[in-house]
């Protein structure tokens, strides 16, 4: 939402401008009116606006002085001036003040809409350029936070995202020094960083639509600025992280199955080797935390529990050969310490390797007797 302050000493012109803007739809809303520049500055002391539409010739304080004062006290606002054909000298001064647009009276609806749309694009580009530069400056400060976002999304930790969003917002707020209107652009740029880290399309390419928390703030008091822009940033980041989580669940299920199969096949073949998490993660390659969570979610087991399962089943088969010592079986399935192996075997089957071997011998003897 872009809030507009309309300043003109003629009430019917103010209401006419407001009526035209109300027909445009989109992000524009008239938040306030003033009859001259002084009234406008007084209104701006307690209210927020993004764009000022001001007549050039007004009593008390004209539009040009108002624009100069706005540039000094509210540098993030854009101004559009309105004048008659015979006020070219004023128009030239307005251009020197770097106004966003210049509209001639009588105000044409299409010209007004074009001027506002140009102002909206300019505001968006200016703020995005500013926060992009800010993120370059803060690159070292946010890497850990960016890693948290990618880890949470890749490991599908949907229950943890609210705290993650709040922590991110607090980090951003420390950068902007009270310029809360930058939070929206900053959260948009942040989402693009996350998308790039996840190798997902950037904003505008199949991304979730960004919602705005409007509530009753068509007129936005300055004492509500922080609350309003923080809530909008929260909604934007929460909507995006939920989108990422949903896309990951839908898009990675088959890929994850391939990864899990490859890890299982490797463990099934190399169960006797000294395996570690880093070595398994390097096979893909993939982050260790992501692989750990994904394997557990897919199989219901940790990778080490799965490895123990494979080793115990292999050990059980090897114990059928009475010529192979228990310590040799332990070595063949990846355990240098036979006592440790025996302890694990008992935890897994409820009996020691020797007890299992005796049970097999008794069963064999009984079968021979039966024959």
Protein backbone atom coordinates (compact mmCIF):
# COMPACT_ATOMS: atom_id res chain seq x y z
CA UNK A 1 0.00 0.00 0.00
CA UNK A 2 1.28 3.45 -0.97
CA UNK A 3 -0.19 6.32 1.02
CA UNK A 4 -0.77 9.69 -0.63
CA UNK A 5 -1.04 13.16 0.86
CA UNK A 6 -3.02 15.56 -1.36
CA UNK A 7 -2.22 19.26 -0.87
CA UNK A 8 -4.25 21.97 -2.62
CA UNK A 9 -5.99 25.12 -1.42
CA UNK A 10 -9.11 24.28 -3.46
CA UNK A 11 -11.29 21.67 -1.67
CA UNK A 12 -12.99 20.51 -4.88
CA UNK A 13 -9.60 19.83 -6.49
CA UNK A 14 -8.50 17.78 -3.44
CA UNK A 15 -11.67 15.70 -3.52
CA UNK A 16 -11.43 15.37 -7.31
CA UNK A 17 -7.89 14.00 -7.07
CA UNK A 18 -8.94 11.62 -4.29
CA UNK A 19 -11.91 10.42 -6.34
CA UNK A 20 -9.73 9.66 -9.36
CA UNK A 21 -7.17 7.79 -7.21
CA UNK A 22 -9.97 5.75 -5.66
CA UNK A 23 -10.88 4.53 -9.15
CA UNK A 24 -7.37 3.25 -9.90
CA UNK A 25 -7.32 0.40 -7.42
CA UNK A 26 -3.94 -1.19 -6.89
CA UNK A 27 -1.65 -0.03 -4.09
CA UNK A 28 -2.72 3.63 -3.95
CA UNK A 29 -4.78 5.15 -1.15
CA UNK A 30 -5.30 8.78 -0.15
CA UNK A 31 -4.34 9.06 3.51
CA UNK A 32 -4.57 12.80 4.12
CA UNK A 33 -5.45 16.27 2.83
CA UNK A 34 -4.00 19.71 3.44
CA UNK A 35 -4.91 23.20 2.20
CA UNK A 36 -1.35 24.52 2.04
CA UNK A 37 2.26 23.54 2.63
CA UNK A 38 2.25 24.40 6.33
CA UNK A 39 -0.78 22.21 7.01
CA UNK A 40 0.89 19.42 5.05
CA UNK A 41 4.05 19.56 7.18
CA UNK A 42 1.97 19.55 10.36
CA UNK A 43 0.08 16.48 9.11
CA UNK A 44 3.35 14.73 8.26
CA UNK A 45 4.63 15.21 11.80
CA UNK A 46 2.10 12.63 13.02
CA UNK A 47 1.29 10.60 9.90
CA UNK A 48 3.14 8.58 7.28
CA UNK A 49 2.88 9.11 3.51
CA UNK A 50 4.88 7.77 0.58
CA UNK A 51 3.81 10.32 -2.05
CA UNK A 52 2.80 13.97 -1.87
CA UNK A 53 0.66 15.50 -4.64
CA UNK A 54 0.92 19.26 -4.24
CA UNK A 55 -0.36 22.29 -6.11
CA UNK A 56 2.41 24.77 -6.86
CA UNK A 57 0.54 27.99 -6.00
CA UNK A 58 -1.00 28.01 -2.51
CA UNK A 59 -1.25 30.56 0.32
CA UNK A 60 0.91 30.44 3.50
CA UNK A 61 3.39 27.98 1.96
CA UNK A 62 3.41 27.09 -1.73
CA UNK A 63 4.14 23.71 -3.28
CA UNK A 64 7.78 24.40 -4.12
CA UNK A 65 8.70 25.34 -0.55
CA UNK A 66 6.74 22.35 0.71
CA UNK A 67 8.68 20.01 -1.58
CA UNK A 68 11.98 21.51 -0.38
CA UNK A 69 10.96 20.95 3.25
CA UNK A 70 9.79 17.40 2.51
CA UNK A 71 13.16 16.59 0.94
CA UNK A 72 14.84 17.77 4.14
CA UNK A 73 12.55 16.14 6.71
CA UNK A 74 11.11 13.14 4.82
CA UNK A 75 13.73 12.21 2.21
CA UNK A 76 12.09 8.86 1.37
CA UNK A 77 8.89 10.56 0.10
CA UNK A 78 8.31 11.38 -3.55
CA UNK A 79 6.47 14.48 -4.72
CA UNK A 80 4.23 15.14 -7.72
CA UNK A 81 3.41 18.77 -8.52
CA UNK A 82 0.28 20.18 -10.12
CA UNK A 83 0.15 23.51 -11.96
CA UNK A 84 -1.47 25.46 -14.79
CA UNK A 85 -0.05 26.04 -18.28
CA UNK A 86 0.95 29.60 -17.46
CA UNK A 87 3.21 28.59 -14.55
CA UNK A 88 6.21 27.35 -16.52
CA UNK A 89 8.70 29.14 -14.27
CA UNK A 90 7.33 27.18 -11.32
CA UNK A 91 7.50 23.99 -13.33
CA UNK A 92 11.18 24.58 -14.06
CA UNK A 93 11.89 25.04 -10.36
CA UNK A 94 9.97 21.86 -9.60
CA UNK A 95 12.10 19.94 -12.07
CA UNK A 96 15.21 21.27 -10.35
CA UNK A 97 13.83 19.91 -7.08
CA UNK A 98 13.80 16.47 -8.68
CA UNK A 99 10.06 15.90 -8.34
CA UNK A 100 8.73 12.55 -9.50
CA UNK A 101 6.26 14.08 -12.00
CA UNK A 102 4.60 17.26 -13.15
CA UNK A 103 0.85 17.31 -13.96
CA UNK A 104 -1.00 20.14 -15.70
CA UNK A 105 -4.43 21.39 -14.74
CA UNK A 106 -7.13 20.41 -15.40
CA UNK A 107 -5.90 17.08 -14.10
CA UNK A 108 -6.32 14.28 -16.59
CA UNK A 109 -7.18 10.92 -15.01
CA UNK A 110 -4.76 8.96 -17.22
CA UNK A 111 -1.94 11.43 -16.58
CA UNK A 112 -2.49 11.18 -12.82
CA UNK A 113 -2.49 7.39 -12.93
CA UNK A 114 0.67 7.34 -15.05
CA UNK A 115 2.39 9.71 -12.62
CA UNK A 116 1.46 7.56 -9.61
CA UNK A 117 2.54 4.34 -11.31
CA UNK A 118 5.87 5.96 -12.20
CA UNK A 119 6.27 7.05 -8.58
CA UNK A 120 5.49 3.53 -7.35
CA UNK A 121 8.16 2.02 -9.62
CA UNK A 122 10.67 4.66 -8.53
CA UNK A 123 9.98 4.08 -4.84
CA UNK A 124 10.29 0.33 -5.22
CA UNK A 125 13.53 0.56 -7.20
CA UNK A 126 15.06 3.14 -4.84
CA UNK A 127 14.28 1.08 -1.75
CA UNK A 128 15.42 -2.19 -3.32
CA UNK A 129 18.68 -0.57 -4.45
CA UNK A 130 19.21 0.75 -0.94
CA UNK A 131 18.60 -2.57 0.80
CA UNK A 132 20.71 -4.44 -1.79
CA UNK A 133 23.60 -2.15 -0.92
CA UNK A 134 22.84 -2.66 2.77
CA UNK A 135 22.94 -6.45 2.40
CA UNK A 136 26.29 -6.22 0.66
CA UNK A 137 27.61 -4.27 3.64
CA UNK A 138 26.15 -6.76 6.14
CA UNK A 139 27.18 -9.88 4.24
CA UNK A 140 29.28 -11.30 7.08
CA UNK A 141 26.57 -10.61 9.67
CA UNK A 142 23.77 -12.60 8.08
CA UNK A 143 25.49 -15.75 6.78
CA UNK A 144 24.64 -17.76 9.89
CA UNK A 145 21.01 -16.65 9.67
CA UNK A 146 20.85 -17.54 5.98
CA UNK A 147 22.24 -20.98 6.81
CA UNK A 148 19.53 -21.42 9.45
CA UNK A 149 16.86 -20.64 6.86
CA UNK A 150 18.21 -23.15 4.34
CA UNK A 151 18.67 -25.83 7.00
CA UNK A 152 15.14 -25.35 8.37
CA UNK A 153 13.62 -25.52 4.89
CA UNK A 154 15.71 -28.44 3.62
CA UNK A 155 15.01 -30.46 6.76
CA UNK A 156 11.32 -29.50 6.75
CA UNK A 157 11.31 -27.99 10.25
CA UNK A 158 7.95 -26.32 9.78
CA UNK A 159 7.35 -26.10 13.53
CA UNK A 160 10.41 -23.88 14.04
CA UNK A 161 9.83 -21.15 11.44
CA UNK A 162 8.01 -18.52 13.62
CA UNK A 163 11.04 -18.04 15.88
CA UNK A 164 13.32 -18.04 12.84
CA UNK A 165 11.32 -15.21 11.25
CA UNK A 166 11.35 -13.14 14.45
CA UNK A 167 15.12 -13.61 14.84
CA UNK A 168 15.64 -12.52 11.23
CA UNK A 169 13.43 -9.47 11.67
CA UNK A 170 15.31 -8.42 14.81
CA UNK A 171 18.59 -8.72 12.91
CA UNK A 172 17.25 -6.56 10.07
CA UNK A 173 15.84 -3.94 12.41
CA UNK A 174 19.29 -3.41 13.84
CA UNK A 175 20.49 -2.38 10.36
CA UNK A 176 17.87 0.21 9.36
CA UNK A 177 18.22 2.73 12.22
CA UNK A 178 14.50 3.41 12.55
CA UNK A 179 13.70 3.61 8.81
CA UNK A 180 10.92 1.05 9.16
CA UNK A 181 9.58 1.56 5.65
CA UNK A 182 12.70 -0.29 4.44
CA UNK A 183 11.59 -3.50 6.15
CA UNK A 184 9.32 -4.52 3.28
CA UNK A 185 12.07 -4.12 0.68
CA UNK A 186 14.57 -5.74 3.03
CA UNK A 187 12.35 -8.78 3.61
CA UNK A 188 11.79 -9.08 -0.17
CA UNK A 189 15.54 -8.98 -0.80
CA UNK A 190 16.06 -11.51 1.99
CA UNK A 191 13.59 -13.93 0.42
CA UNK A 192 15.49 -13.63 -2.86
CA UNK A 193 18.71 -14.50 -1.01
CA UNK A 194 17.04 -17.59 0.46
CA UNK A 195 15.65 -18.57 -2.95
CA UNK A 196 19.13 -18.30 -4.46
CA UNK A 197 20.64 -20.38 -1.65
CA UNK A 198 17.96 -23.05 -2.22
CA UNK A 199 18.37 -22.77 -6.01
CA UNK A 200 14.69 -21.84 -6.30
CA UNK A 201 13.22 -19.27 -8.74
CA UNK A 202 13.52 -15.63 -7.60
CA UNK A 203 10.55 -13.46 -6.64
CA UNK A 204 8.09 -13.07 -9.48
CA UNK A 205 8.73 -16.55 -10.88
CA UNK A 206 6.19 -18.91 -9.34
CA UNK A 207 6.70 -17.37 -5.91
CA UNK A 208 3.88 -17.07 -3.42
CA UNK A 209 2.07 -13.70 -3.63
CA UNK A 210 3.18 -11.26 -0.97
CA UNK A 211 0.39 -10.31 1.39
CA UNK A 212 0.13 -6.98 3.20
CA UNK A 213 -1.28 -6.40 6.66
CA UNK A 214 -3.61 -3.48 5.96
CA UNK A 215 -6.01 -3.60 8.90
CA UNK A 216 -7.36 -0.06 9.52
CA UNK A 217 -4.15 1.69 8.55
CA UNK A 218 -5.15 3.45 5.32
CA UNK A 219 -4.16 6.40 7.49
CA UNK A 220 -0.95 5.35 9.21
CA UNK A 221 0.03 7.24 12.41
CA UNK A 222 3.77 7.58 12.90
CA UNK A 223 3.57 5.92 16.31
CA UNK A 224 2.32 2.77 14.49
CA UNK A 225 5.08 2.69 11.86
CA UNK A 226 7.22 0.06 13.55
CA UNK A 227 4.27 -2.20 14.33
CA UNK A 228 2.84 -1.91 10.83
CA UNK A 229 6.03 -2.52 8.86
CA UNK A 230 7.21 -5.30 11.18
CA UNK A 231 3.91 -7.15 10.80
CA UNK A 232 4.07 -6.78 7.04
CA UNK A 233 7.62 -8.13 6.99
CA UNK A 234 6.57 -11.05 9.22
CA UNK A 235 3.67 -11.93 6.90
CA UNK A 236 5.93 -11.69 3.86
CA UNK A 237 8.65 -13.91 5.32
CA UNK A 238 6.23 -16.42 6.84
CA UNK A 239 4.31 -16.73 3.58
CA UNK A 240 7.55 -17.33 1.71
CA UNK A 241 9.03 -19.88 4.09
CA UNK A 242 5.76 -21.85 4.00
CA UNK A 243 5.90 -21.69 0.21
CA UNK A 244 9.48 -22.97 0.22
CA UNK A 245 8.57 -25.79 2.61
CA UNK A 246 5.65 -26.83 0.41
CA UNK A 247 7.75 -26.73 -2.78
CA UNK A 248 10.49 -28.74 -1.13
CA UNK A 249 8.07 -31.39 0.06
CA UNK A 250 6.53 -31.74 -3.40
CA UNK A 251 9.63 -31.32 -5.50
CA UNK A 252 12.18 -33.27 -3.51
CA UNK A 253 10.33 -36.41 -2.51
CA UNK A 254 11.49 -38.42 -5.53
CA UNK A 255 14.98 -36.94 -5.39
CA UNK A 256 15.21 -37.71 -1.69
CA UNK A 257 14.22 -41.32 -2.36
CA UNK A 258 17.11 -41.62 -4.82
CA UNK A 259 19.51 -40.19 -2.25
CA UNK A 260 18.30 -42.55 0.47
CA UNK A 261 18.62 -45.56 -1.86
CA UNK A 262 22.16 -44.55 -2.74
CA UNK A 263 23.14 -44.17 0.93
CA UNK A 264 21.58 -47.53 1.80
CA UNK A 265 23.35 -49.24 -1.10
CA UNK A 266 26.66 -47.77 -0.03
CA UNK A 267 26.17 -48.90 3.58
CA UNK A 268 25.05 -52.38 2.43
CA UNK A 269 28.27 -52.71 0.42
CA UNK A 270 30.74 -50.97 2.74
CA UNK A 271 29.32 -51.96 6.13
CA UNK A 272 32.71 -53.30 7.24
CA UNK A 273 34.49 -50.00 6.52
CA UNK A 274 35.02 -47.17 8.96
CA UNK A 275 32.07 -45.03 7.94
CA UNK A 276 31.37 -41.53 9.17
CA UNK A 277 28.69 -38.95 8.50
CA UNK A 278 30.97 -36.65 6.56
CA UNK A 279 31.97 -39.42 4.16
CA UNK A 280 28.35 -40.39 3.52
CA UNK A 281 27.30 -36.76 3.00
CA UNK A 282 30.13 -36.25 0.50
CA UNK A 283 28.71 -39.01 -1.70
CA UNK A 284 25.80 -36.80 -2.84
CA UNK A 285 27.20 -34.14 -1.93
CA UNK A 286 24.83 -32.78 0.68
CA UNK A 287 24.99 -31.09 4.07
CA UNK A 288 25.37 -33.47 6.99
CA UNK A 289 22.46 -32.00 8.94
CA UNK A 290 20.15 -32.29 5.93
CA UNK A 291 21.20 -35.88 5.21
CA UNK A 292 20.75 -36.90 8.85
CA UNK A 293 17.24 -35.47 9.09
CA UNK A 294 16.19 -36.74 5.66
CA UNK A 295 17.40 -40.31 6.34
CA UNK A 296 15.60 -40.42 9.69
CA UNK A 297 12.40 -39.04 8.19
CA UNK A 298 12.48 -41.52 5.30
CA UNK A 299 13.48 -44.70 7.14
CA UNK A 300 12.52 -44.06 10.76
CA UNK A 301 16.13 -44.90 11.68
CA UNK A 302 19.30 -42.94 12.13
CA UNK A 303 22.05 -43.86 9.67
CA UNK A 304 24.04 -45.43 12.50
CA UNK A 305 21.07 -47.54 13.56
CA UNK A 306 20.65 -48.66 9.96
CA UNK A 307 24.37 -49.50 9.78
CA UNK A 308 24.12 -51.55 12.98
CA UNK A 309 21.12 -53.40 11.52
CA UNK A 310 23.07 -54.31 8.40
CA UNK A 311 26.12 -55.38 10.41
CA UNK A 312 24.08 -57.52 12.81
CA UNK A 313 22.33 -59.35 9.99
CA UNK A 314 25.66 -60.00 8.26
CA UNK A 315 27.16 -61.14 11.57
CA UNK A 316 24.29 -63.55 12.12
CA UNK A 317 24.99 -65.17 8.74
CA UNK A 318 28.75 -65.35 9.42
CA UNK A 319 28.18 -67.01 12.79
CA UNK A 320 26.64 -69.96 10.99
CA UNK A 321 30.16 -70.86 9.88
CA UNK A 322 31.67 -72.53 12.97
CA UNK A 323 35.16 -72.20 11.52
CA UNK A 324 35.05 -68.41 11.88
CA UNK A 325 35.89 -67.14 15.35
CA UNK A 326 33.62 -64.58 17.03
CA UNK A 327 36.35 -61.92 16.98
CA UNK A 328 36.83 -62.63 13.25
CA UNK A 329 33.11 -62.12 12.67
CA UNK A 330 33.36 -58.83 14.56
CA UNK A 331 36.23 -57.70 12.34
CA UNK A 332 34.42 -58.75 9.17
CA UNK A 333 31.41 -56.57 10.00
CA UNK A 334 33.43 -53.51 11.00
CA UNK A 335 34.18 -53.89 14.74
CA UNK A 336 37.75 -54.06 16.00
CA UNK A 337 36.61 -54.71 19.58
CA UNK A 338 34.90 -58.12 19.85
CA UNK A 339 33.47 -57.31 23.29
CA UNK A 340 31.76 -54.24 21.92
CA UNK A 341 30.46 -56.31 19.02
CA UNK A 342 29.08 -58.97 21.40
CA UNK A 343 27.35 -56.31 23.48
CA UNK A 344 25.68 -54.81 20.39
CA UNK A 345 24.70 -58.26 19.14
CA UNK A 346 23.00 -59.05 22.45
CA UNK A 347 21.19 -55.69 22.45
CA UNK A 348 19.95 -56.43 18.96
CA UNK A 349 19.02 -60.15 19.26
CA UNK A 350 18.75 -60.66 23.04
CA UNK A 351 21.56 -63.22 23.14
CA UNK A 352 25.33 -63.15 22.73
CA UNK A 353 27.04 -64.41 19.54
CA UNK A 354 28.25 -67.51 21.39
CA UNK A 355 24.75 -68.22 22.72
CA UNK A 356 23.36 -67.81 19.22
CA UNK A 357 25.96 -70.19 17.82
CA UNK A 358 25.13 -72.81 20.51
CA UNK A 359 21.43 -72.47 19.73
CA UNK A 360 22.18 -73.11 16.06
CA UNK A 361 24.30 -76.15 16.95
CA UNK A 362 21.54 -77.59 19.15
CA UNK A 363 19.01 -77.02 16.39
CA UNK A 364 21.30 -78.77 13.92
CA UNK A 365 21.78 -81.74 16.25
CA UNK A 366 18.05 -82.07 16.86
CA UNK A 367 17.43 -81.99 13.14
CA UNK A 368 20.02 -84.75 12.64
CA UNK A 369 18.41 -86.85 15.38
CA UNK A 370 15.03 -86.39 13.77
CA UNK A 371 16.42 -87.52 10.44
